[in-house]
Amino acid sequence: MKIKSIKDYLPFFALMLANVVTLFVYLFAFNGRDGIKILEVCVVPLIPLIIPALNKIFKISVPFSFNVAVTVFAFLAIDLASVLDFYGLIPYFDKFIHTVFGIIGAFGIFILLLYGNGEKLKPWCFFTVILLSVLGIAALWEIYEYFANMITHTDMQRWLPDFNTVGDMTVKEFFATYNPLWDTIWDIVVAAIGVFIFFAGILADKFCGYKLSKSVYNQVKIKPSSQLTV
């Protein structure tokens, strides 16, 4: 196997090792027995294999850095947030995850546009497409959470409090503090903030002579000097 091929699978091996640690922590430190969470730990290492598979099937070269970003996001969103319940342990961790999604989602749409000759678009149009695409994906996720809540009677939006601690609050008092719409809107807002963080990174990289993104441009056969003349 070539060195490059081995490199492509490093995110898979790294996430596999991380998930072994996560599983032990969940089983022994948290005394966890939730079959769904155990299944998540077992399945999530397959995510970093998707991009190498796409590269082979479609004869493309999705940048290695994007696979690393997706792998890190999978670890944060599934291992830490879902399995080890960082959502409950750390305030606003959910909003942090959605912000990271905005950054990585923007990166993914950025790569997709470059493969689709997006460099021919005017810069304002190029970046508008990225922003609207990420916001669209974020909205679709919120729709999924809404219907999943209805079907499974769970709290995927993670806005419900511990009902043993709310006391004798009136309905008006309850919904003044706990509002599922607040969660939905802010999930989309912080995703947009993530997109603008990505844009700031692109602008900083431009002023640095495309030192950070040069490998990305090279893999999609684009010259950095012809890109993003913002």
C-alpha atoms as a PDB file:
ATOM      1  CA  MET A   1       0.000   0.000   0.000  1.00  0.00           C
ATOM      2  CA  LYS A   2       1.331   3.425  -0.945  1.00  0.00           C
ATOM      3  CA  ILE A   3       2.197   5.983   1.738  1.00  0.00           C
ATOM      4  CA  LYS A   4      -0.538   8.301   0.429  1.00  0.00           C
ATOM      5  CA  SER A   5      -3.112   5.513   0.710  1.00  0.00           C
ATOM      6  CA  ILE A   6      -2.083   4.829   4.301  1.00  0.00           C
ATOM      7  CA  LYS A   7      -2.375   8.541   5.100  1.00  0.00           C
ATOM      8  CA  ASP A   8      -5.938   8.592   3.762  1.00  0.00           C
ATOM      9  CA  TYR A   9      -6.965   6.057   6.411  1.00  0.00           C
ATOM     10  CA  LEU A  10      -5.267   7.714   9.392  1.00  0.00           C
ATOM     11  CA  PRO A  11      -8.515   9.469  10.484  1.00  0.00           C
ATOM     12  CA  PHE A  12     -10.232   6.068  10.580  1.00  0.00           C
ATOM     13  CA  PHE A  13      -7.558   4.516  12.802  1.00  0.00           C
ATOM     14  CA  ALA A  14      -7.435   7.602  15.034  1.00  0.00           C
ATOM     15  CA  LEU A  15     -11.206   7.629  15.515  1.00  0.00           C
ATOM     16  CA  MET A  16     -11.230   3.871  16.099  1.00  0.00           C
ATOM     17  CA  LEU A  17      -8.723   4.299  18.926  1.00  0.00           C
ATOM     18  CA  ALA A  18     -10.663   7.237  20.362  1.00  0.00           C
ATOM     19  CA  ASN A  19     -13.875   5.226  20.282  1.00  0.00           C
ATOM     20  CA  VAL A  20     -12.306   2.340  22.163  1.00  0.00           C
ATOM     21  CA  VAL A  21     -11.443   4.818  24.916  1.00  0.00           C
ATOM     22  CA  THR A  22     -14.939   6.325  24.730  1.00  0.00           C
ATOM     23  CA  LEU A  23     -16.547   2.891  25.033  1.00  0.00           C
ATOM     24  CA  PHE A  24     -14.503   1.989  28.118  1.00  0.00           C
ATOM     25  CA  VAL A  25     -15.287   5.329  29.751  1.00  0.00           C
ATOM     26  CA  TYR A  26     -18.997   4.934  28.977  1.00  0.00           C
ATOM     27  CA  LEU A  27     -19.216   1.347  30.230  1.00  0.00           C
ATOM     28  CA  PHE A  28     -17.114   1.647  33.367  1.00  0.00           C
ATOM     29  CA  ALA A  29     -16.959   5.305  34.424  1.00  0.00           C
ATOM     30  CA  PHE A  30     -20.574   6.121  33.476  1.00  0.00           C
ATOM     31  CA  ASN A  31     -21.859   2.579  34.040  1.00  0.00           C
ATOM     32  CA  GLY A  32     -23.650   2.999  30.727  1.00  0.00           C
ATOM     33  CA  ARG A  33     -25.885   0.303  29.270  1.00  0.00           C
ATOM     34  CA  ASP A  34     -27.784   2.163  26.544  1.00  0.00           C
ATOM     35  CA  GLY A  35     -27.697  -0.044  23.453  1.00  0.00           C
ATOM     36  CA  ILE A  36     -28.164   2.907  21.081  1.00  0.00           C
ATOM     37  CA  LYS A  37     -25.123   4.714  22.468  1.00  0.00           C
ATOM     38  CA  ILE A  38     -23.007   1.558  22.314  1.00  0.00           C
ATOM     39  CA  LEU A  39     -24.093   1.148  18.679  1.00  0.00           C
ATOM     40  CA  GLU A  40     -23.111   4.763  17.975  1.00  0.00           C
ATOM     41  CA  VAL A  41     -19.622   4.126  19.366  1.00  0.00           C
ATOM     42  CA  CYS A  42     -19.256   1.050  17.160  1.00  0.00           C
ATOM     43  CA  VAL A  43     -20.527   2.677  13.965  1.00  0.00           C
ATOM     44  CA  VAL A  44     -19.011   6.183  14.099  1.00  0.00           C
ATOM     45  CA  PRO A  45     -15.454   5.054  13.120  1.00  0.00           C
ATOM     46  CA  LEU A  46     -16.878   4.181   9.702  1.00  0.00           C
ATOM     47  CA  ILE A  47     -17.487   7.882   8.953  1.00  0.00           C
ATOM     48  CA  PRO A  48     -13.827   8.659   8.032  1.00  0.00           C
ATOM     49  CA  LEU A  49     -13.988   5.825   5.475  1.00  0.00           C
ATOM     50  CA  ILE A  50     -16.654   7.617   3.434  1.00  0.00           C
ATOM     51  CA  ILE A  51     -14.326  10.175   1.827  1.00  0.00           C
ATOM     52  CA  PRO A  52     -11.610   7.651   0.782  1.00  0.00           C
ATOM     53  CA  ALA A  53     -14.417   5.527  -0.681  1.00  0.00           C
ATOM     54  CA  LEU A  54     -15.803   8.484  -2.642  1.00  0.00           C
ATOM     55  CA  ASN A  55     -12.314   9.297  -3.888  1.00  0.00           C
ATOM     56  CA  LYS A  56     -11.897   5.786  -5.271  1.00  0.00           C
ATOM     57  CA  ILE A  57     -15.403   5.427  -6.701  1.00  0.00           C
ATOM     58  CA  PHE A  58     -15.578   8.805  -8.429  1.00  0.00           C
ATOM     59  CA  LYS A  59     -11.839   9.193  -9.134  1.00  0.00           C
ATOM     60  CA  ILE A  60     -11.664  12.478  -7.259  1.00  0.00           C
ATOM     61  CA  SER A  61      -9.399  13.783  -4.521  1.00  0.00           C
ATOM     62  CA  VAL A  62     -11.330  15.316  -1.642  1.00  0.00           C
ATOM     63  CA  PRO A  63      -8.671  17.026   0.493  1.00  0.00           C
ATOM     64  CA  PHE A  64      -7.301  15.026   3.423  1.00  0.00           C
ATOM     65  CA  SER A  65      -7.800  18.052   5.673  1.00  0.00           C
ATOM     66  CA  PHE A  66     -11.559  17.857   5.116  1.00  0.00           C
ATOM     67  CA  ASN A  67     -11.623  14.225   6.213  1.00  0.00           C
ATOM     68  CA  VAL A  68      -9.714  15.236   9.353  1.00  0.00           C
ATOM     69  CA  ALA A  69     -12.272  17.990  10.005  1.00  0.00           C
ATOM     70  CA  VAL A  70     -15.189  15.575   9.551  1.00  0.00           C
ATOM     71  CA  THR A  71     -13.501  13.056  11.865  1.00  0.00           C
ATOM     72  CA  VAL A  72     -13.007  15.654  14.593  1.00  0.00           C
ATOM     73  CA  PHE A  73     -16.637  16.736  14.246  1.00  0.00           C
ATOM     74  CA  ALA A  74     -17.837  13.117  14.503  1.00  0.00           C
ATOM     75  CA  PHE A  75     -15.839  12.676  17.694  1.00  0.00           C
ATOM     76  CA  LEU A  76     -17.216  15.876  19.219  1.00  0.00           C
ATOM     77  CA  ALA A  77     -20.833  15.338  18.174  1.00  0.00           C
ATOM     78  CA  ILE A  78     -21.155  11.609  18.830  1.00  0.00           C
ATOM     79  CA  ASP A  79     -18.476  10.454  21.290  1.00  0.00           C
ATOM     80  CA  LEU A  80     -18.440  13.494  23.550  1.00  0.00           C
ATOM     81  CA  ALA A  81     -21.846  15.104  23.045  1.00  0.00           C
ATOM     82  CA  SER A  82     -24.118  12.096  22.642  1.00  0.00           C
ATOM     83  CA  VAL A  83     -22.404   9.094  24.254  1.00  0.00           C
ATOM     84  CA  LEU A  84     -20.633  10.834  27.147  1.00  0.00           C
ATOM     85  CA  ASP A  85     -23.438  13.408  27.492  1.00  0.00           C
ATOM     86  CA  PHE A  86     -21.350  16.555  27.202  1.00  0.00           C
ATOM     87  CA  TYR A  87     -24.641  18.193  26.233  1.00  0.00           C
ATOM     88  CA  GLY A  88     -25.723  17.827  29.828  1.00  0.00           C
ATOM     89  CA  LEU A  89     -22.327  18.319  31.443  1.00  0.00           C
ATOM     90  CA  ILE A  90     -21.246  21.509  29.661  1.00  0.00           C
ATOM     91  CA  PRO A  91     -23.662  24.445  29.195  1.00  0.00           C
ATOM     92  CA  TYR A  92     -24.149  25.466  25.559  1.00  0.00           C
ATOM     93  CA  PHE A  93     -22.046  22.568  24.268  1.00  0.00           C
ATOM     94  CA  ASP A  94     -24.843  22.001  21.752  1.00  0.00           C
ATOM     95  CA  LYS A  95     -24.346  25.523  20.414  1.00  0.00           C
ATOM     96  CA  PHE A  96     -20.598  24.908  20.191  1.00  0.00           C
ATOM     97  CA  ILE A  97     -21.269  21.788  18.096  1.00  0.00           C
ATOM     98  CA  HIS A  98     -23.553  23.707  15.727  1.00  0.00           C
ATOM     99  CA  THR A  99     -20.916  26.424  15.354  1.00  0.00           C
ATOM    100  CA  VAL A 100     -18.295  23.828  14.457  1.00  0.00           C
ATOM    101  CA  PHE A 101     -20.769  22.350  11.980  1.00  0.00           C
ATOM    102  CA  GLY A 102     -21.047  25.787  10.352  1.00  0.00           C
ATOM    103  CA  ILE A 103     -17.262  25.916   9.874  1.00  0.00           C
ATOM    104  CA  ILE A 104     -16.937  22.370   8.537  1.00  0.00           C
ATOM    105  CA  GLY A 105     -20.103  22.635   6.438  1.00  0.00           C
ATOM    106  CA  ALA A 106     -18.740  25.801   4.820  1.00  0.00           C
ATOM    107  CA  PHE A 107     -15.473  23.975   4.134  1.00  0.00           C
ATOM    108  CA  GLY A 108     -17.368  21.136   2.459  1.00  0.00           C
ATOM    109  CA  ILE A 109     -19.464  23.431   0.254  1.00  0.00           C
ATOM    110  CA  PHE A 110     -16.297  25.377  -0.570  1.00  0.00           C
ATOM    111  CA  ILE A 111     -14.655  22.190  -1.890  1.00  0.00           C
ATOM    112  CA  LEU A 112     -17.821  21.185  -3.757  1.00  0.00           C
ATOM    113  CA  LEU A 113     -17.976  24.560  -5.511  1.00  0.00           C
ATOM    114  CA  LEU A 114     -14.335  24.339  -6.547  1.00  0.00           C
ATOM    115  CA  TYR A 115     -14.994  20.947  -8.103  1.00  0.00           C
ATOM    116  CA  GLY A 116     -17.976  22.458  -9.896  1.00  0.00           C
ATOM    117  CA  ASN A 117     -15.960  25.339 -11.381  1.00  0.00           C
ATOM    118  CA  GLY A 118     -17.278  27.698  -8.733  1.00  0.00           C
ATOM    119  CA  GLU A 119     -14.170  29.828  -9.203  1.00  0.00           C
ATOM    120  CA  LYS A 120     -15.934  31.294 -12.218  1.00  0.00           C
ATOM    121  CA  LEU A 121     -18.522  32.869  -9.931  1.00  0.00           C
ATOM    122  CA  LYS A 122     -18.073  36.375  -8.628  1.00  0.00           C
ATOM    123  CA  PRO A 123     -16.647  36.261  -5.067  1.00  0.00           C
ATOM    124  CA  TRP A 124     -19.817  37.661  -3.465  1.00  0.00           C
ATOM    125  CA  CYS A 125     -21.878  35.017  -5.251  1.00  0.00           C
ATOM    126  CA  PHE A 126     -19.419  32.246  -4.348  1.00  0.00           C
ATOM    127  CA  PHE A 127     -19.605  33.026  -0.640  1.00  0.00           C
ATOM    128  CA  THR A 128     -23.355  33.646  -0.687  1.00  0.00           C
ATOM    129  CA  VAL A 129     -23.896  30.157  -2.099  1.00  0.00           C
ATOM    130  CA  ILE A 130     -21.769  28.711   0.724  1.00  0.00           C
ATOM    131  CA  LEU A 131     -23.715  30.619   3.391  1.00  0.00           C
ATOM    132  CA  LEU A 132     -27.148  29.724   2.027  1.00  0.00           C
ATOM    133  CA  SER A 133     -26.171  26.082   1.512  1.00  0.00           C
ATOM    134  CA  VAL A 134     -24.992  25.664   5.095  1.00  0.00           C
ATOM    135  CA  LEU A 135     -28.071  27.448   6.452  1.00  0.00           C
ATOM    136  CA  GLY A 136     -30.232  25.151   4.323  1.00  0.00           C
ATOM    137  CA  ILE A 137     -28.538  22.048   5.754  1.00  0.00           C
ATOM    138  CA  ALA A 138     -28.886  23.447   9.272  1.00  0.00           C
ATOM    139  CA  ALA A 139     -32.606  24.035   8.677  1.00  0.00           C
ATOM    140  CA  LEU A 140     -33.053  20.485   7.345  1.00  0.00           C
ATOM    141  CA  TRP A 141     -31.418  19.154  10.507  1.00  0.00           C
ATOM    142  CA  GLU A 142     -33.843  21.152  12.653  1.00  0.00           C
ATOM    143  CA  ILE A 143     -36.760  19.738  10.647  1.00  0.00           C
ATOM    144  CA  TYR A 144     -35.378  16.249  11.260  1.00  0.00           C
ATOM    145  CA  GLU A 145     -35.099  16.920  15.008  1.00  0.00           C
ATOM    146  CA  TYR A 146     -38.660  18.228  15.113  1.00  0.00           C
ATOM    147  CA  PHE A 147     -40.175  15.164  13.454  1.00  0.00           C
ATOM    148  CA  ALA A 148     -37.888  12.810  15.399  1.00  0.00           C
ATOM    149  CA  ASN A 149     -39.201  14.377  18.607  1.00  0.00           C
ATOM    150  CA  MET A 150     -42.774  13.824  17.443  1.00  0.00           C
ATOM    151  CA  ILE A 151     -42.234  10.220  16.403  1.00  0.00           C
ATOM    152  CA  THR A 152     -40.006   8.990  19.229  1.00  0.00           C
ATOM    153  CA  HIS A 153     -41.288  11.298  22.009  1.00  0.00           C
ATOM    154  CA  THR A 154     -37.708  12.164  22.889  1.00  0.00           C
ATOM    155  CA  ASP A 155     -35.903  15.480  23.328  1.00  0.00           C
ATOM    156  CA  MET A 156     -33.482  15.725  20.417  1.00  0.00           C
ATOM    157  CA  GLN A 157     -33.684  19.511  20.643  1.00  0.00           C
ATOM    158  CA  ARG A 158     -32.428  19.212  24.228  1.00  0.00           C
ATOM    159  CA  TRP A 159     -34.450  22.065  25.609  1.00  0.00           C
ATOM    160  CA  LEU A 160     -36.603  20.280  28.203  1.00  0.00           C
ATOM    161  CA  PRO A 161     -35.555  20.781  31.840  1.00  0.00           C
ATOM    162  CA  ASP A 162     -35.509  18.304  34.696  1.00  0.00           C
ATOM    163  CA  PHE A 163     -39.187  18.336  35.595  1.00  0.00           C
ATOM    164  CA  ASN A 164     -38.329  17.412  39.170  1.00  0.00           C
ATOM    165  CA  THR A 165     -36.642  20.794  39.602  1.00  0.00           C
ATOM    166  CA  VAL A 166     -39.089  23.214  37.979  1.00  0.00           C
ATOM    167  CA  GLY A 167     -41.327  23.318  41.049  1.00  0.00           C
ATOM    168  CA  ASP A 168     -44.818  24.785  40.775  1.00  0.00           C
ATOM    169  CA  MET A 169     -44.170  26.959  37.743  1.00  0.00           C
ATOM    170  CA  THR A 170     -47.160  28.092  35.719  1.00  0.00           C
ATOM    171  CA  VAL A 171     -47.353  27.284  32.029  1.00  0.00           C
ATOM    172  CA  LYS A 172     -46.536  30.917  31.228  1.00  0.00           C
ATOM    173  CA  GLU A 173     -43.511  30.897  33.545  1.00  0.00           C
ATOM    174  CA  PHE A 174     -42.318  27.604  32.101  1.00  0.00           C
ATOM    175  CA  PHE A 175     -42.386  28.679  28.459  1.00  0.00           C
ATOM    176  CA  ALA A 176     -40.832  32.046  29.319  1.00  0.00           C
ATOM    177  CA  THR A 177     -37.695  30.115  30.239  1.00  0.00           C
ATOM    178  CA  TYR A 178     -37.902  26.900  28.222  1.00  0.00           C
ATOM    179  CA  ASN A 179     -38.708  27.407  24.567  1.00  0.00           C
ATOM    180  CA  PRO A 180     -37.957  24.887  21.776  1.00  0.00           C
ATOM    181  CA  LEU A 181     -38.101  27.701  19.203  1.00  0.00           C
ATOM    182  CA  TRP A 182     -35.187  29.385  20.989  1.00  0.00           C
ATOM    183  CA  ASP A 183     -33.101  26.252  20.481  1.00  0.00           C
ATOM    184  CA  THR A 184     -34.049  25.902  16.818  1.00  0.00           C
ATOM    185  CA  ILE A 185     -33.326  29.507  15.902  1.00  0.00           C
ATOM    186  CA  TRP A 186     -30.044  29.692  17.784  1.00  0.00           C
ATOM    187  CA  ASP A 187     -28.815  26.420  16.292  1.00  0.00           C
ATOM    188  CA  ILE A 188     -29.174  28.039  12.870  1.00  0.00           C
ATOM    189  CA  VAL A 189     -27.717  31.363  14.029  1.00  0.00           C
ATOM    190  CA  VAL A 190     -24.551  29.793  15.460  1.00  0.00           C
ATOM    191  CA  ALA A 191     -24.177  27.706  12.286  1.00  0.00           C
ATOM    192  CA  ALA A 192     -24.152  31.009  10.379  1.00  0.00           C
ATOM    193  CA  ILE A 193     -21.532  32.327  12.808  1.00  0.00           C
ATOM    194  CA  GLY A 194     -19.453  29.240  12.000  1.00  0.00           C
ATOM    195  CA  VAL A 195     -19.700  30.065   8.294  1.00  0.00           C
ATOM    196  CA  PHE A 196     -18.423  33.604   8.914  1.00  0.00           C
ATOM    197  CA  ILE A 197     -15.558  32.205  11.002  1.00  0.00           C
ATOM    198  CA  PHE A 198     -14.651  30.094   7.959  1.00  0.00           C
ATOM    199  CA  PHE A 199     -14.874  33.190   5.730  1.00  0.00           C
ATOM    200  CA  ALA A 200     -12.546  35.036   8.118  1.00  0.00           C
ATOM    201  CA  GLY A 201     -10.084  32.166   7.840  1.00  0.00           C
ATOM    202  CA  ILE A 202     -10.238  32.305   4.037  1.00  0.00           C
ATOM    203  CA  LEU A 203      -9.607  36.056   4.083  1.00  0.00           C
ATOM    204  CA  ALA A 204      -6.662  35.688   6.476  1.00  0.00           C
ATOM    205  CA  ASP A 205      -5.244  32.912   4.305  1.00  0.00           C
ATOM    206  CA  LYS A 206      -5.504  35.152   1.236  1.00  0.00           C
ATOM    207  CA  PHE A 207      -3.400  37.820   2.956  1.00  0.00           C
ATOM    208  CA  CYS A 208      -0.867  35.110   3.879  1.00  0.00           C
ATOM    209  CA  GLY A 209      -0.475  34.031   0.271  1.00  0.00           C
ATOM    210  CA  TYR A 210      -2.785  30.987   0.504  1.00  0.00           C
ATOM    211  CA  LYS A 211      -0.275  29.122   2.686  1.00  0.00           C
ATOM    212  CA  LEU A 212      -2.961  27.205   4.566  1.00  0.00           C
ATOM    213  CA  SER A 213      -5.217  26.286   1.663  1.00  0.00           C
ATOM    214  CA  LYS A 214      -2.601  25.691  -1.032  1.00  0.00           C
ATOM    215  CA  SER A 215      -2.885  21.908  -0.722  1.00  0.00           C
ATOM    216  CA  VAL A 216      -6.678  22.130  -1.009  1.00  0.00           C
ATOM    217  CA  TYR A 217      -6.445  24.130  -4.225  1.00  0.00           C
ATOM    218  CA  ASN A 218      -3.799  21.793  -5.639  1.00  0.00           C
ATOM    219  CA  GLN A 219      -5.933  18.708  -5.018  1.00  0.00           C
ATOM    220  CA  VAL A 220      -8.877  20.181  -6.875  1.00  0.00           C
ATOM    221  CA  LYS A 221      -6.600  21.401  -9.651  1.00  0.00           C
ATOM    222  CA  ILE A 222      -7.166  25.103  -8.997  1.00  0.00           C
ATOM    223  CA  LYS A 223      -4.482  27.777  -8.886  1.00  0.00           C
ATOM    224  CA  PRO A 224      -4.666  29.757  -5.614  1.00  0.00           C
ATOM    225  CA  SER A 225      -3.875  33.019  -7.357  1.00  0.00           C
ATOM    226  CA  SER A 226      -7.067  32.713  -9.387  1.00  0.00           C
ATOM    227  CA  GLN A 227      -9.326  32.192  -6.383  1.00  0.00           C
ATOM    228  CA  LEU A 228     -11.265  34.316  -3.953  1.00  0.00           C
ATOM    229  CA  THR A 229     -10.135  37.759  -4.999  1.00  0.00           C
ATOM    230  CA  VAL A 230     -12.110  39.324  -2.193  1.00  0.00           C
END
